[in-house]
All heavy atoms as atom14 arrays in JSON, in Angstrom:
{
  "sequence": "IPQLTQERRQELVKMTRQMVEDGKVSLRNIRRDF",
  "atom14_mask": [
    [1, 1, 1, 1, 1, 1, 1, 1, 0, 0, 0, 0, 0, 0],
    [1, 1, 1, 1, 1, 1, 1, 0, 0, 0, 0, 0, 0, 0],
    [1, 1, 1, 1, 1, 1, 1, 1, 1, 0, 0, 0, 0, 0],
    [1, 1, 1, 1, 1, 1, 1, 1, 0, 0, 0, 0, 0, 0],
    [1, 1, 1, 1, 1, 1, 1, 0, 0, 0, 0, 0, 0, 0],
    [1, 1, 1, 1, 1, 1, 1, 1, 1, 0, 0, 0, 0, 0],
    [1, 1, 1, 1, 1, 1, 1, 1, 1, 0, 0, 0, 0, 0],
    [1, 1, 1, 1, 1, 1, 1, 1, 1, 1, 1, 0, 0, 0],
    [1, 1, 1, 1, 1, 1, 1, 1, 1, 1, 1, 0, 0, 0],
    [1, 1, 1, 1, 1, 1, 1, 1, 1, 0, 0, 0, 0, 0],
    [1, 1, 1, 1, 1, 1, 1, 1, 1, 0, 0, 0, 0, 0],
    [1, 1, 1, 1, 1, 1, 1, 1, 0, 0, 0, 0, 0, 0],
    [1, 1, 1, 1, 1, 1, 1, 0, 0, 0, 0, 0, 0, 0],
    [1, 1, 1, 1, 1, 1, 1, 1, 1, 0, 0, 0, 0, 0],
    [1, 1, 1, 1, 1, 1, 1, 1, 0, 0, 0, 0, 0, 0],
    [1, 1, 1, 1, 1, 1, 1, 0, 0, 0, 0, 0, 0, 0],
    [1, 1, 1, 1, 1, 1, 1, 1, 1, 1, 1, 0, 0, 0],
    [1, 1, 1, 1, 1, 1, 1, 1, 1, 0, 0, 0, 0, 0],
    [1, 1, 1, 1, 1, 1, 1, 1, 0, 0, 0, 0, 0, 0],
    [1, 1, 1, 1, 1, 1, 1, 0, 0, 0, 0, 0, 0, 0],
    [1, 1, 1, 1, 1, 1, 1, 1, 1, 0, 0, 0, 0, 0],
    [1, 1, 1, 1, 1, 1, 1, 1, 0, 0, 0, 0, 0, 0],
    [1, 1, 1, 1, 0, 0, 0, 0, 0, 0, 0, 0, 0, 0],
    [1, 1, 1, 1, 1, 1, 1, 1, 1, 0, 0, 0, 0, 0],
    [1, 1, 1, 1, 1, 1, 1, 0, 0, 0, 0, 0, 0, 0],
    [1, 1, 1, 1, 1, 1, 0, 0, 0, 0, 0, 0, 0, 0],
    [1, 1, 1, 1, 1, 1, 1, 1, 0, 0, 0, 0, 0, 0],
    [1, 1, 1, 1, 1, 1, 1, 1, 1, 1, 1, 0, 0, 0],
    [1, 1, 1, 1, 1, 1, 1, 1, 0, 0, 0, 0, 0, 0],
    [1, 1, 1, 1, 1, 1, 1, 1, 0, 0, 0, 0, 0, 0],
    [1, 1, 1, 1, 1, 1, 1, 1, 1, 1, 1, 0, 0, 0],
    [1, 1, 1, 1, 1, 1, 1, 1, 1, 1, 1, 0, 0, 0],
    [1, 1, 1, 1, 1, 1, 1, 1, 0, 0, 0, 0, 0, 0],
    [1, 1, 1, 1, 1, 1, 1, 1, 1, 1, 1, 0, 0, 0]
  ],
  "atom14_positions": [
    [[24.87, -17.57, 9.81], [25.06, -17.48, 8.37], [26.25, -18.42, 8.1], [27.44, -18.03, 8.45], [25.31, -16.05, 7.78], [24.22, -15.15, 8.32], [25.38, -16.09, 6.29], [22.81, -15.39, 7.9], [0.0, 0.0, 0.0], [0.0, 0.0, 0.0], [0.0, 0.0, 0.0], [0.0, 0.0, 0.0], [0.0, 0.0, 0.0], [0.0, 0.0, 0.0]],
    [[26.07, -19.57, 7.41], [27.22, -20.41, 7.21], [28.19, -19.85, 6.1], [27.71, -19.12, 5.25], [26.59, -21.75, 6.76], [25.25, -21.32, 6.25], [24.89, -20.16, 6.95], [0.0, 0.0, 0.0], [0.0, 0.0, 0.0], [0.0, 0.0, 0.0], [0.0, 0.0, 0.0], [0.0, 0.0, 0.0], [0.0, 0.0, 0.0], [0.0, 0.0, 0.0]],
    [[29.39, -20.24, 6.18], [30.4, -19.93, 5.18], [29.96, -20.47, 3.81], [29.47, -21.61, 3.79], [31.82, -20.33, 5.54], [32.4, -19.53, 6.7], [32.51, -18.11, 6.34], [32.99, -17.76, 5.28], [32.11, -17.22, 7.32], [0.0, 0.0, 0.0], [0.0, 0.0, 0.0], [0.0, 0.0, 0.0], [0.0, 0.0, 0.0], [0.0, 0.0, 0.0]],
    [[30.19, -19.74, 2.75], [29.9, -20.28, 1.42], [30.93, -21.22, 0.87], [32.07, -20.91, 1.05], [29.63, -19.11, 0.43], [28.45, -18.12, 0.85], [28.51, -16.94, -0.04], [27.15, -18.77, 0.8], [0.0, 0.0, 0.0], [0.0, 0.0, 0.0], [0.0, 0.0, 0.0], [0.0, 0.0, 0.0], [0.0, 0.0, 0.0], [0.0, 0.0, 0.0]],
    [[30.48, -22.28, 0.21], [31.46, -23.01, -0.58], [31.86, -22.3, -1.81], [31.24, -21.45, -2.34], [30.84, -24.43, -0.95], [29.81, -24.17, -1.87], [30.39, -25.15, 0.26], [0.0, 0.0, 0.0], [0.0, 0.0, 0.0], [0.0, 0.0, 0.0], [0.0, 0.0, 0.0], [0.0, 0.0, 0.0], [0.0, 0.0, 0.0], [0.0, 0.0, 0.0]],
    [[32.97, -22.77, -2.46], [33.43, -22.08, -3.59], [32.4, -22.27, -4.76], [32.23, -21.34, -5.57], [34.84, -22.76, -4.07], [35.5, -21.93, -5.17], [35.82, -20.47, -4.76], [36.08, -20.19, -3.58], [35.7, -19.55, -5.69], [0.0, 0.0, 0.0], [0.0, 0.0, 0.0], [0.0, 0.0, 0.0], [0.0, 0.0, 0.0], [0.0, 0.0, 0.0]],
    [[31.85, -23.46, -4.83], [30.8, -23.71, -5.87], [29.58, -22.81, -5.68], [29.05, -22.26, -6.62], [30.37, -25.19, -5.79], [29.32, -25.63, -6.73], [29.09, -27.13, -6.64], [29.99, -27.86, -6.68], [27.86, -27.42, -6.39], [0.0, 0.0, 0.0], [0.0, 0.0, 0.0], [0.0, 0.0, 0.0], [0.0, 0.0, 0.0], [0.0, 0.0, 0.0]],
    [[29.18, -22.59, -4.41], [27.96, -21.78, -4.1], [28.39, -20.28, -4.45], [27.54, -19.55, -4.97], [27.62, -21.88, -2.66], [26.41, -21.08, -2.27], [25.2, -21.53, -2.96], [24.09, -20.55, -2.51], [23.06, -20.18, -3.33], [22.99, -20.67, -4.56], [22.15, -19.48, -2.83], [0.0, 0.0, 0.0], [0.0, 0.0, 0.0], [0.0, 0.0, 0.0]],
    [[29.6, -19.88, -4.2], [29.99, -18.53, -4.51], [29.87, -18.33, -6.02], [29.46, -17.26, -6.44], [31.48, -18.31, -4.08], [31.6, -18.21, -2.55], [33.1, -18.09, -2.27], [33.31, -18.35, -0.93], [33.35, -17.51, 0.11], [33.12, -16.22, -0.17], [33.51, -17.83, 1.29], [0.0, 0.0, 0.0], [0.0, 0.0, 0.0], [0.0, 0.0, 0.0]],
    [[30.28, -19.32, -6.79], [30.21, -19.17, -8.25], [28.77, -19.04, -8.75], [28.4, -18.35, -9.61], [30.93, -20.39, -8.98], [32.45, -20.31, -8.79], [33.1, -21.59, -9.27], [32.5, -22.58, -9.55], [34.48, -21.47, -9.43], [0.0, 0.0, 0.0], [0.0, 0.0, 0.0], [0.0, 0.0, 0.0], [0.0, 0.0, 0.0], [0.0, 0.0, 0.0]],
    [[27.94, -19.86, -8.08], [26.43, -19.77, -8.47], [25.93, -18.38, -8.15], [25.16, -17.84, -8.89], [25.69, -20.81, -7.58], [25.89, -22.29, -8.07], [25.17, -23.22, -7.17], [24.28, -22.86, -6.36], [25.64, -24.35, -7.1], [0.0, 0.0, 0.0], [0.0, 0.0, 0.0], [0.0, 0.0, 0.0], [0.0, 0.0, 0.0], [0.0, 0.0, 0.0]],
    [[26.28, -17.86, -6.96], [25.8, -16.57, -6.59], [26.29, -15.46, -7.52], [25.48, -14.56, -7.85], [26.24, -16.25, -5.15], [25.53, -17.02, -4.05], [26.11, -16.7, -2.67], [24.05, -16.74, -4.05], [0.0, 0.0, 0.0], [0.0, 0.0, 0.0], [0.0, 0.0, 0.0], [0.0, 0.0, 0.0], [0.0, 0.0, 0.0], [0.0, 0.0, 0.0]],
    [[27.5, -15.63, -7.99], [28.12, -14.52, -8.92], [27.27, -14.68, -10.15], [26.85, -13.65, -10.76], [29.57, -14.71, -9.17], [30.05, -13.96, -10.31], [30.35, -14.44, -7.88], [0.0, 0.0, 0.0], [0.0, 0.0, 0.0], [0.0, 0.0, 0.0], [0.0, 0.0, 0.0], [0.0, 0.0, 0.0], [0.0, 0.0, 0.0], [0.0, 0.0, 0.0]],
    [[27.01, -15.86, -10.63], [26.25, -16.05, -11.8], [24.83, -15.43, -11.73], [24.34, -14.85, -12.63], [26.19, -17.55, -12.11], [25.7, -17.98, -13.56], [25.77, -19.43, -13.69], [25.38, -19.82, -15.06], [25.43, -21.31, -15.25], [0.0, 0.0, 0.0], [0.0, 0.0, 0.0], [0.0, 0.0, 0.0], [0.0, 0.0, 0.0], [0.0, 0.0, 0.0]],
    [[24.26, -15.75, -10.61], [22.91, -15.25, -10.27], [22.86, -13.77, -10.28], [21.95, -13.06, -10.89], [22.37, -15.82, -9.01], [20.94, -15.51, -8.63], [20.43, -16.29, -7.12], [21.27, -15.3, -5.87], [0.0, 0.0, 0.0], [0.0, 0.0, 0.0], [0.0, 0.0, 0.0], [0.0, 0.0, 0.0], [0.0, 0.0, 0.0], [0.0, 0.0, 0.0]],
    [[23.81, -13.13, -9.59], [23.89, -11.64, -9.52], [24.17, -11.03, -10.88], [23.55, -9.97, -11.23], [24.88, -11.05, -8.43], [26.12, -11.7, -8.82], [24.49, -11.55, -7.07], [0.0, 0.0, 0.0], [0.0, 0.0, 0.0], [0.0, 0.0, 0.0], [0.0, 0.0, 0.0], [0.0, 0.0, 0.0], [0.0, 0.0, 0.0], [0.0, 0.0, 0.0]],
    [[25.02, -11.7, -11.67], [25.28, -11.28, -13.03], [23.98, -11.2, -13.8], [23.7, -10.29, -14.56], [26.26, -12.02, -13.73], [26.72, -11.57, -15.11], [27.81, -12.42, -15.76], [29.03, -12.13, -15.08], [29.81, -13.12, -14.44], [29.48, -14.29, -14.48], [30.95, -12.75, -13.88], [0.0, 0.0, 0.0], [0.0, 0.0, 0.0], [0.0, 0.0, 0.0]],
    [[23.06, -12.18, -13.69], [21.82, -12.26, -14.36], [20.92, -11.16, -13.9], [20.22, -10.54, -14.72], [21.17, -13.66, -14.23], [19.9, -13.83, -15.01], [20.1, -13.62, -16.46], [20.95, -14.17, -17.15], [19.24, -12.77, -17.15], [0.0, 0.0, 0.0], [0.0, 0.0, 0.0], [0.0, 0.0, 0.0], [0.0, 0.0, 0.0], [0.0, 0.0, 0.0]],
    [[20.91, -10.9, -12.64], [20.05, -9.8, -12.06], [20.42, -8.52, -12.67], [19.66, -7.6, -13.1], [20.16, -9.76, -10.54], [19.63, -10.88, -9.78], [19.96, -10.69, -7.99], [19.14, -12.14, -7.34], [0.0, 0.0, 0.0], [0.0, 0.0, 0.0], [0.0, 0.0, 0.0], [0.0, 0.0, 0.0], [0.0, 0.0, 0.0], [0.0, 0.0, 0.0]],
    [[21.76, -8.25, -12.8], [22.28, -7.04, -13.36], [21.91, -6.92, -14.84], [21.46, -5.84, -15.32], [23.76, -6.83, -13.13], [24.32, -5.66, -13.89], [24.06, -6.61, -11.64], [0.0, 0.0, 0.0], [0.0, 0.0, 0.0], [0.0, 0.0, 0.0], [0.0, 0.0, 0.0], [0.0, 0.0, 0.0], [0.0, 0.0, 0.0], [0.0, 0.0, 0.0]],
    [[22.05, -8.05, -15.62], [21.68, -8.07, -17.01], [20.25, -7.74, -17.14], [19.82, -7.1, -18.11], [22.07, -9.45, -17.57], [21.91, -9.45, -19.04], [22.75, -8.26, -19.8], [23.95, -8.06, -19.4], [22.18, -7.67, -20.7], [0.0, 0.0, 0.0], [0.0, 0.0, 0.0], [0.0, 0.0, 0.0], [0.0, 0.0, 0.0], [0.0, 0.0, 0.0]],
    [[19.34, -8.31, -16.29], [17.89, -8.02, -16.37], [17.7, -6.5, -16.16], [16.83, -5.98, -16.76], [17.12, -8.82, -15.34], [17.16, -10.33, -15.65], [17.45, -10.7, -16.78], [16.78, -11.06, -14.71], [0.0, 0.0, 0.0], [0.0, 0.0, 0.0], [0.0, 0.0, 0.0], [0.0, 0.0, 0.0], [0.0, 0.0, 0.0], [0.0, 0.0, 0.0]],
    [[18.46, -5.92, -15.23], [18.41, -4.51, -14.98], [18.76, -3.67, -16.29], [18.17, -2.67, -16.54], [0.0, 0.0, 0.0], [0.0, 0.0, 0.0], [0.0, 0.0, 0.0], [0.0, 0.0, 0.0], [0.0, 0.0, 0.0], [0.0, 0.0, 0.0], [0.0, 0.0, 0.0], [0.0, 0.0, 0.0], [0.0, 0.0, 0.0], [0.0, 0.0, 0.0]],
    [[19.8, -4.14, -16.91], [20.26, -3.45, -18.14], [19.22, -3.57, -19.23], [19.04, -2.65, -20.01], [21.59, -4.01, -18.56], [22.73, -3.55, -17.69], [24.02, -4.12, -18.21], [25.25, -3.66, -17.4], [26.53, -4.21, -18.0], [0.0, 0.0, 0.0], [0.0, 0.0, 0.0], [0.0, 0.0, 0.0], [0.0, 0.0, 0.0], [0.0, 0.0, 0.0]],
    [[18.52, -4.72, -19.26], [17.46, -4.85, -20.25], [16.44, -3.83, -20.0], [15.9, -3.2, -20.93], [16.85, -6.24, -20.22], [15.55, -6.35, -21.0], [17.88, -7.28, -20.79], [0.0, 0.0, 0.0], [0.0, 0.0, 0.0], [0.0, 0.0, 0.0], [0.0, 0.0, 0.0], [0.0, 0.0, 0.0], [0.0, 0.0, 0.0], [0.0, 0.0, 0.0]],
    [[16.09, -3.58, -18.67], [15.06, -2.52, -18.34], [15.55, -1.14, -18.75], [14.71, -0.32, -19.25], [14.65, -2.61, -16.9], [15.67, -2.17, -16.12], [0.0, 0.0, 0.0], [0.0, 0.0, 0.0], [0.0, 0.0, 0.0], [0.0, 0.0, 0.0], [0.0, 0.0, 0.0], [0.0, 0.0, 0.0], [0.0, 0.0, 0.0], [0.0, 0.0, 0.0]],
    [[16.86, -0.89, -18.61], [17.41, 0.31, -19.13], [17.27, 0.47, -20.58], [16.88, 1.61, -21.06], [18.91, 0.45, -18.69], [19.3, 0.76, -17.29], [20.82, 0.8, -17.16], [18.67, 1.96, -16.76], [0.0, 0.0, 0.0], [0.0, 0.0, 0.0], [0.0, 0.0, 0.0], [0.0, 0.0, 0.0], [0.0, 0.0, 0.0], [0.0, 0.0, 0.0]],
    [[17.55, -0.54, -21.29], [17.44, -0.52, -22.78], [16.02, -0.26, -23.22], [15.74, 0.4, -24.18], [18.06, -1.76, -23.35], [19.63, -1.73, -23.21], [20.26, -2.81, -24.08], [19.95, -4.19, -23.65], [20.73, -4.86, -22.78], [21.74, -4.3, -22.29], [20.31, -6.12, -22.47], [0.0, 0.0, 0.0], [0.0, 0.0, 0.0], [0.0, 0.0, 0.0]],
    [[15.05, -0.9, -22.42], [13.68, -0.69, -22.8], [13.2, 0.74, -22.59], [12.47, 1.31, -23.38], [12.78, -1.55, -21.95], [12.93, -3.1, -22.43], [13.31, -3.38, -23.49], [12.54, -3.97, -21.48], [0.0, 0.0, 0.0], [0.0, 0.0, 0.0], [0.0, 0.0, 0.0], [0.0, 0.0, 0.0], [0.0, 0.0, 0.0], [0.0, 0.0, 0.0]],
    [[13.66, 1.34, -21.45], [13.42, 2.72, -21.21], [14.03, 3.6, -22.33], [13.32, 4.51, -22.88], [14.03, 3.15, -19.83], [13.23, 2.44, -18.69], [13.9, 4.74, -19.65], [13.93, 2.58, -17.38], [0.0, 0.0, 0.0], [0.0, 0.0, 0.0], [0.0, 0.0, 0.0], [0.0, 0.0, 0.0], [0.0, 0.0, 0.0], [0.0, 0.0, 0.0]],
    [[15.21, 3.32, -22.73], [15.92, 4.08, -23.82], [15.04, 3.95, -25.06], [14.73, 4.98, -25.69], [17.3, 3.55, -24.05], [18.01, 4.16, -25.22], [19.28, 3.53, -25.63], [19.01, 2.18, -26.15], [19.88, 1.26, -26.24], [21.2, 1.46, -25.92], [19.64, 0.05, -26.66], [0.0, 0.0, 0.0], [0.0, 0.0, 0.0], [0.0, 0.0, 0.0]],
    [[14.6, 2.74, -25.46], [13.88, 2.62, -26.66], [12.59, 3.31, -26.6], [12.2, 3.96, -27.54], [13.55, 1.1, -26.82], [12.84, 0.75, -28.09], [12.2, -0.6, -28.11], [11.11, -0.72, -27.15], [11.09, -1.64, -26.16], [12.01, -2.56, -26.12], [10.18, -1.58, -25.26], [0.0, 0.0, 0.0], [0.0, 0.0, 0.0], [0.0, 0.0, 0.0]],
    [[11.9, 3.31, -25.43], [10.6, 4.03, -25.4], [10.74, 5.59, -25.58], [10.03, 6.14, -26.2], [9.98, 3.78, -23.92], [9.44, 2.3, -23.84], [9.38, 1.61, -24.87], [9.3, 1.94, -22.67], [0.0, 0.0, 0.0], [0.0, 0.0, 0.0], [0.0, 0.0, 0.0], [0.0, 0.0, 0.0], [0.0, 0.0, 0.0], [0.0, 0.0, 0.0]],
    [[11.83, 6.08, -24.98], [12.05, 7.47, -25.05], [12.49, 7.98, -26.41], [12.21, 8.98, -26.91], [13.03, 8.05, -23.9], [12.21, 8.23, -22.68], [12.13, 7.16, -21.78], [11.47, 9.41, -22.4], [11.52, 7.37, -20.53], [10.79, 9.56, -21.22], [10.8, 8.54, -20.22], [0.0, 0.0, 0.0], [0.0, 0.0, 0.0], [0.0, 0.0, 0.0]]
  ]
}
């Protein structure tokens, strides 16, 4: 597993933030349905 560059680290943080935001959207959809 190669070491990550600073640029790649920023991309990964951005990508994980989007994954979490998608998860929060699913929570809000569950809330709305109930």
